[in-house]
Amino acid sequence: MSKNLKSHIDQISQLTDEEFDFVLSHFVYKSFKRREYLFKVGDPVKYHYFILSGLLKLVYNTQEGKQHIISFAMENWWESDFNAYCSATNATMSLECLEDTEVLCLPLAGYQTICSSLQKMEHYFLQLANLNFISAQRRVISGMTLNVKEQFEHVQSQYPFLKQRVPKTLIAAYIGVSRETLSRLEP
């Protein structure tokens, strides 16, 4: 299982086996069942999660009860409520399993130790943050400039795995429209 993490890191920063063993020693393995939460709103966010298998959704719920899907995360992706994780505060979002899921969990203290001990890993996490920031900006821009049909097509081209793994109701929530609106777009 840890070979997935090693391969992911090696795409950005090459680690020796000894360095990777040091990095891996800071993680905790956990498994979750479908519909189980890694954390809910109000929970402390103790980990940054590397997904070994499964599919997750990060959700923000408004006071009116509307669900906004912030992101989906699948194998070899990282996910968390980063504001709560980095500031050691409680979650403002929930992270739920859409499938049975296995993750490697990195506590904040472990993250800090890894980064202060290995410049290669500090570089890795910086590059990861840059890629995530770019992706978030693109999502905001597409939400401001594309109509609903174009957004749906964009999501399908960027994340083709979603079509087979999640119901259209969740894709609609990710785009920010109702399932009915999405249904009207389909041929």
C-alpha atoms as a PDB file:
ATOM      1  CA  MET A   1       0.000   0.000   0.000  1.00  0.00           C
ATOM      2  CA  SER A   2       2.755   2.428   0.823  1.00  0.00           C
ATOM      3  CA  LYS A   3       4.135   1.981  -2.704  1.00  0.00           C
ATOM      4  CA  ASN A   4       1.299   4.247  -3.942  1.00  0.00           C
ATOM      5  CA  LEU A   5       2.521   7.028  -1.680  1.00  0.00           C
ATOM      6  CA  LYS A   6       6.153   6.423  -2.664  1.00  0.00           C
ATOM      7  CA  SER A   7       5.275   6.562  -6.371  1.00  0.00           C
ATOM      8  CA  HIS A   8       3.300   9.758  -5.846  1.00  0.00           C
ATOM      9  CA  ILE A   9       6.151  11.444  -3.992  1.00  0.00           C
ATOM     10  CA  ASP A  10       8.725  10.216  -6.527  1.00  0.00           C
ATOM     11  CA  GLN A  11       6.879  12.058  -9.305  1.00  0.00           C
ATOM     12  CA  ILE A  12       8.037  15.298  -7.658  1.00  0.00           C
ATOM     13  CA  SER A  13      10.880  14.426  -5.265  1.00  0.00           C
ATOM     14  CA  GLN A  14      13.018  11.290  -5.412  1.00  0.00           C
ATOM     15  CA  LEU A  15      13.427   9.723  -1.962  1.00  0.00           C
ATOM     16  CA  THR A  16      15.847   7.030  -0.905  1.00  0.00           C
ATOM     17  CA  ASP A  17      14.326   3.983   0.778  1.00  0.00           C
ATOM     18  CA  GLU A  18      15.641   5.245   4.111  1.00  0.00           C
ATOM     19  CA  GLU A  19      14.094   8.682   3.594  1.00  0.00           C
ATOM     20  CA  PHE A  20      10.768   7.143   2.593  1.00  0.00           C
ATOM     21  CA  ASP A  21      10.772   4.881   5.658  1.00  0.00           C
ATOM     22  CA  PHE A  22      11.270   8.013   7.778  1.00  0.00           C
ATOM     23  CA  VAL A  23       8.361   9.742   6.004  1.00  0.00           C
ATOM     24  CA  LEU A  24       6.093   6.699   6.256  1.00  0.00           C
ATOM     25  CA  SER A  25       6.788   6.391   9.989  1.00  0.00           C
ATOM     26  CA  HIS A  26       4.747   9.581  10.508  1.00  0.00           C
ATOM     27  CA  PHE A  27       1.583   8.185   8.897  1.00  0.00           C
ATOM     28  CA  VAL A  28      -1.241   6.130  10.360  1.00  0.00           C
ATOM     29  CA  TYR A  29      -3.214   3.682   8.208  1.00  0.00           C
ATOM     30  CA  LYS A  30      -7.023   3.720   8.497  1.00  0.00           C
ATOM     31  CA  SER A  31      -9.906   2.171   6.595  1.00  0.00           C
ATOM     32  CA  PHE A  32     -13.480   3.393   6.348  1.00  0.00           C
ATOM     33  CA  LYS A  33     -16.726   1.978   5.004  1.00  0.00           C
ATOM     34  CA  ARG A  34     -18.968   3.606   2.409  1.00  0.00           C
ATOM     35  CA  ARG A  35     -21.009   6.473   3.950  1.00  0.00           C
ATOM     36  CA  GLU A  36     -18.617   6.716   6.896  1.00  0.00           C
ATOM     37  CA  TYR A  37     -17.118  10.103   7.719  1.00  0.00           C
ATOM     38  CA  LEU A  38     -13.430  10.793   8.225  1.00  0.00           C
ATOM     39  CA  PHE A  39     -14.560  13.979   9.963  1.00  0.00           C
ATOM     40  CA  LYS A  40     -17.735  16.052  10.224  1.00  0.00           C
ATOM     41  CA  VAL A  41     -18.387  19.746  10.754  1.00  0.00           C
ATOM     42  CA  GLY A  42     -17.269  20.654  14.269  1.00  0.00           C
ATOM     43  CA  ASP A  43     -14.808  17.762  14.609  1.00  0.00           C
ATOM     44  CA  PRO A  44     -11.116  18.466  15.077  1.00  0.00           C
ATOM     45  CA  VAL A  45      -9.249  17.809  11.818  1.00  0.00           C
ATOM     46  CA  LYS A  46      -6.244  15.793  12.895  1.00  0.00           C
ATOM     47  CA  TYR A  47      -5.005  14.546   9.533  1.00  0.00           C
ATOM     48  CA  HIS A  48      -4.117  15.268   5.950  1.00  0.00           C
ATOM     49  CA  TYR A  49      -5.289  12.151   4.094  1.00  0.00           C
ATOM     50  CA  PHE A  50      -3.565  10.334   1.245  1.00  0.00           C
ATOM     51  CA  ILE A  51      -6.139   8.091  -0.440  1.00  0.00           C
ATOM     52  CA  LEU A  52      -4.898   4.567  -1.147  1.00  0.00           C
ATOM     53  CA  SER A  53      -8.228   3.279  -2.429  1.00  0.00           C
ATOM     54  CA  GLY A  54     -11.787   4.503  -2.581  1.00  0.00           C
ATOM     55  CA  LEU A  55     -13.564   7.765  -3.274  1.00  0.00           C
ATOM     56  CA  LEU A  56     -14.379  10.668  -0.953  1.00  0.00           C
ATOM     57  CA  LYS A  57     -16.363  13.877  -1.140  1.00  0.00           C
ATOM     58  CA  LEU A  58     -15.561  17.060   0.774  1.00  0.00           C
ATOM     59  CA  VAL A  59     -18.826  18.859   1.533  1.00  0.00           C
ATOM     60  CA  TYR A  60     -19.826  22.272   2.822  1.00  0.00           C
ATOM     61  CA  ASN A  61     -23.413  22.648   4.025  1.00  0.00           C
ATOM     62  CA  THR A  62     -25.076  26.055   4.210  1.00  0.00           C
ATOM     63  CA  GLN A  63     -27.247  27.069   7.145  1.00  0.00           C
ATOM     64  CA  GLU A  64     -30.235  26.513   4.854  1.00  0.00           C
ATOM     65  CA  GLY A  65     -29.140  22.891   4.412  1.00  0.00           C
ATOM     66  CA  LYS A  66     -27.879  23.116   0.826  1.00  0.00           C
ATOM     67  CA  GLN A  67     -24.966  20.779   0.161  1.00  0.00           C
ATOM     68  CA  HIS A  68     -22.006  22.103  -1.818  1.00  0.00           C
ATOM     69  CA  ILE A  69     -19.431  19.544  -2.898  1.00  0.00           C
ATOM     70  CA  ILE A  70     -16.050  21.223  -2.679  1.00  0.00           C
ATOM     71  CA  SER A  71     -14.131  18.316  -4.149  1.00  0.00           C
ATOM     72  CA  PHE A  72     -13.974  14.636  -4.883  1.00  0.00           C
ATOM     73  CA  ALA A  73     -10.823  12.714  -3.976  1.00  0.00           C
ATOM     74  CA  MET A  74      -9.806   9.332  -5.274  1.00  0.00           C
ATOM     75  CA  GLU A  75      -6.787   7.038  -5.268  1.00  0.00           C
ATOM     76  CA  ASN A  76      -3.434   8.828  -5.035  1.00  0.00           C
ATOM     77  CA  TRP A  77      -5.007  12.183  -4.129  1.00  0.00           C
ATOM     78  CA  TRP A  78      -4.693  14.140  -0.913  1.00  0.00           C
ATOM     79  CA  GLU A  79      -7.680  15.618   0.930  1.00  0.00           C
ATOM     80  CA  SER A  80      -8.592  17.416   4.141  1.00  0.00           C
ATOM     81  CA  ASP A  81     -10.261  20.548   5.474  1.00  0.00           C
ATOM     82  CA  PHE A  82      -6.957  22.375   5.086  1.00  0.00           C
ATOM     83  CA  ASN A  83      -7.951  25.462   7.047  1.00  0.00           C
ATOM     84  CA  ALA A  84      -8.898  23.360  10.054  1.00  0.00           C
ATOM     85  CA  TYR A  85      -5.922  21.015   9.636  1.00  0.00           C
ATOM     86  CA  CYS A  86      -3.290  23.752   9.363  1.00  0.00           C
ATOM     87  CA  SER A  87      -4.774  25.919  12.088  1.00  0.00           C
ATOM     88  CA  ALA A  88      -5.605  23.000  14.409  1.00  0.00           C
ATOM     89  CA  THR A  89      -9.258  24.070  14.585  1.00  0.00           C
ATOM     90  CA  ASN A  90     -12.549  22.289  14.045  1.00  0.00           C
ATOM     91  CA  ALA A  91     -13.891  21.338  10.641  1.00  0.00           C
ATOM     92  CA  THR A  92     -16.183  23.649   8.696  1.00  0.00           C
ATOM     93  CA  MET A  93     -16.747  20.873   6.149  1.00  0.00           C
ATOM     94  CA  SER A  94     -17.308  17.120   6.213  1.00  0.00           C
ATOM     95  CA  LEU A  95     -15.305  14.398   4.475  1.00  0.00           C
ATOM     96  CA  GLU A  96     -17.425  11.371   3.580  1.00  0.00           C
ATOM     97  CA  CYS A  97     -16.636   8.060   1.900  1.00  0.00           C
ATOM     98  CA  LEU A  98     -18.556   7.366  -1.289  1.00  0.00           C
ATOM     99  CA  GLU A  99     -16.909   3.934  -1.449  1.00  0.00           C
ATOM    100  CA  ASP A 100     -15.033   1.754   1.025  1.00  0.00           C
ATOM    101  CA  THR A 101     -11.813   3.701   1.472  1.00  0.00           C
ATOM    102  CA  GLU A 102      -8.275   3.176   2.740  1.00  0.00           C
ATOM    103  CA  VAL A 103      -6.106   6.153   3.640  1.00  0.00           C
ATOM    104  CA  LEU A 104      -2.747   7.066   5.074  1.00  0.00           C
ATOM    105  CA  CYS A 105      -3.234   9.796   7.675  1.00  0.00           C
ATOM    106  CA  LEU A 106      -0.590  12.442   8.320  1.00  0.00           C
ATOM    107  CA  PRO A 107      -0.940  14.406  11.579  1.00  0.00           C
ATOM    108  CA  LEU A 108       0.130  18.053  11.548  1.00  0.00           C
ATOM    109  CA  ALA A 109       3.084  17.387  13.861  1.00  0.00           C
ATOM    110  CA  GLY A 110       4.268  14.646  11.488  1.00  0.00           C
ATOM    111  CA  TYR A 111       3.880  16.951   8.505  1.00  0.00           C
ATOM    112  CA  GLN A 112       5.930  19.627  10.254  1.00  0.00           C
ATOM    113  CA  THR A 113       8.632  17.150  11.277  1.00  0.00           C
ATOM    114  CA  ILE A 114       8.868  15.715   7.761  1.00  0.00           C
ATOM    115  CA  CYS A 115       9.141  19.177   6.187  1.00  0.00           C
ATOM    116  CA  SER A 116      11.736  20.418   8.659  1.00  0.00           C
ATOM    117  CA  SER A 117      13.804  17.234   8.312  1.00  0.00           C
ATOM    118  CA  LEU A 118      13.696  16.642   4.562  1.00  0.00           C
ATOM    119  CA  GLN A 119      13.925  19.496   2.092  1.00  0.00           C
ATOM    120  CA  LYS A 120      12.794  17.072  -0.626  1.00  0.00           C
ATOM    121  CA  MET A 121       9.484  16.612   1.185  1.00  0.00           C
ATOM    122  CA  GLU A 122       9.085  20.326   1.820  1.00  0.00           C
ATOM    123  CA  HIS A 123       9.506  20.765  -1.952  1.00  0.00           C
ATOM    124  CA  TYR A 124       6.998  17.959  -2.596  1.00  0.00           C
ATOM    125  CA  PHE A 125       4.322  19.528  -0.395  1.00  0.00           C
ATOM    126  CA  LEU A 126       4.971  22.979  -1.891  1.00  0.00           C
ATOM    127  CA  GLN A 127       4.495  21.614  -5.413  1.00  0.00           C
ATOM    128  CA  LEU A 128       1.356  19.794  -4.287  1.00  0.00           C
ATOM    129  CA  ALA A 129      -0.025  23.005  -2.784  1.00  0.00           C
ATOM    130  CA  ASN A 130       0.761  24.915  -5.988  1.00  0.00           C
ATOM    131  CA  LEU A 131      -1.054  22.342  -8.128  1.00  0.00           C
ATOM    132  CA  ASN A 132      -4.064  22.394  -5.799  1.00  0.00           C
ATOM    133  CA  PHE A 133      -4.155  26.196  -5.826  1.00  0.00           C
ATOM    134  CA  ILE A 134      -4.049  26.248  -9.639  1.00  0.00           C
ATOM    135  CA  SER A 135      -6.865  23.697  -9.780  1.00  0.00           C
ATOM    136  CA  ALA A 136      -8.974  25.730  -7.331  1.00  0.00           C
ATOM    137  CA  GLN A 137      -8.468  28.903  -9.367  1.00  0.00           C
ATOM    138  CA  ARG A 138      -9.476  27.114 -12.559  1.00  0.00           C
ATOM    139  CA  ARG A 139     -12.627  25.822 -10.868  1.00  0.00           C
ATOM    140  CA  VAL A 140     -13.582  29.314  -9.678  1.00  0.00           C
ATOM    141  CA  ILE A 141     -12.965  30.797 -13.122  1.00  0.00           C
ATOM    142  CA  SER A 142     -14.953  28.072 -14.892  1.00  0.00           C
ATOM    143  CA  GLY A 143     -17.819  28.660 -12.444  1.00  0.00           C
ATOM    144  CA  MET A 144     -17.802  32.354 -13.310  1.00  0.00           C
ATOM    145  CA  THR A 145     -17.364  32.058 -17.076  1.00  0.00           C
ATOM    146  CA  LEU A 146     -19.010  28.808 -18.233  1.00  0.00           C
ATOM    147  CA  ASN A 147     -22.710  28.096 -18.475  1.00  0.00           C
ATOM    148  CA  VAL A 148     -24.066  24.990 -16.735  1.00  0.00           C
ATOM    149  CA  LYS A 149     -23.756  22.771 -19.815  1.00  0.00           C
ATOM    150  CA  GLU A 150     -20.138  23.852 -20.352  1.00  0.00           C
ATOM    151  CA  GLN A 151     -19.361  23.287 -16.665  1.00  0.00           C
ATOM    152  CA  PHE A 152     -20.835  19.781 -16.849  1.00  0.00           C
ATOM    153  CA  GLU A 153     -18.808  18.995 -19.987  1.00  0.00           C
ATOM    154  CA  HIS A 154     -15.693  20.416 -18.327  1.00  0.00           C
ATOM    155  CA  VAL A 155     -16.176  18.233 -15.244  1.00  0.00           C
ATOM    156  CA  GLN A 156     -16.723  15.162 -17.433  1.00  0.00           C
ATOM    157  CA  SER A 157     -13.541  15.833 -19.429  1.00  0.00           C
ATOM    158  CA  GLN A 158     -11.416  16.679 -16.370  1.00  0.00           C
ATOM    159  CA  TYR A 159     -12.727  13.865 -14.162  1.00  0.00           C
ATOM    160  CA  PRO A 160     -13.997  11.041 -16.423  1.00  0.00           C
ATOM    161  CA  PHE A 161     -13.954   8.591 -13.492  1.00  0.00           C
ATOM    162  CA  LEU A 162     -16.841  10.441 -11.832  1.00  0.00           C
ATOM    163  CA  LYS A 163     -19.375   9.295 -14.414  1.00  0.00           C
ATOM    164  CA  GLN A 164     -18.857   5.643 -13.414  1.00  0.00           C
ATOM    165  CA  ARG A 165     -18.403   6.201  -9.692  1.00  0.00           C
ATOM    166  CA  VAL A 166     -20.924   8.810  -8.514  1.00  0.00           C
ATOM    167  CA  PRO A 167     -24.587   9.552  -9.197  1.00  0.00           C
ATOM    168  CA  LYS A 168     -25.442  12.625 -11.253  1.00  0.00           C
ATOM    169  CA  THR A 169     -26.997  14.198  -8.154  1.00  0.00           C
ATOM    170  CA  LEU A 170     -23.498  14.551  -6.712  1.00  0.00           C
ATOM    171  CA  ILE A 171     -22.067  15.914  -9.950  1.00  0.00           C
ATOM    172  CA  ALA A 172     -24.889  18.467  -9.942  1.00  0.00           C
ATOM    173  CA  ALA A 173     -24.010  19.427  -6.344  1.00  0.00           C
ATOM    174  CA  TYR A 174     -20.372  19.806  -7.392  1.00  0.00           C
ATOM    175  CA  ILE A 175     -21.343  22.147 -10.230  1.00  0.00           C
ATOM    176  CA  GLY A 176     -23.830  23.948  -7.991  1.00  0.00           C
ATOM    177  CA  VAL A 177     -27.090  23.109  -9.757  1.00  0.00           C
ATOM    178  CA  SER A 178     -30.045  20.843  -9.107  1.00  0.00           C
ATOM    179  CA  ARG A 179     -30.238  17.302 -10.502  1.00  0.00           C
ATOM    180  CA  GLU A 180     -33.229  18.431 -12.569  1.00  0.00           C
ATOM    181  CA  THR A 181     -31.184  21.195 -14.213  1.00  0.00           C
ATOM    182  CA  LEU A 182     -28.475  18.680 -15.072  1.00  0.00           C
ATOM    183  CA  SER A 183     -31.078  16.248 -16.476  1.00  0.00           C
ATOM    184  CA  ARG A 184     -32.345  18.896 -18.901  1.00  0.00           C
ATOM    185  CA  LEU A 185     -28.847  19.119 -20.394  1.00  0.00           C
ATOM    186  CA  GLU A 186     -28.650  15.455 -21.296  1.00  0.00           C
ATOM    187  CA  PRO A 187     -29.595  14.309 -24.798  1.00  0.00           C
END
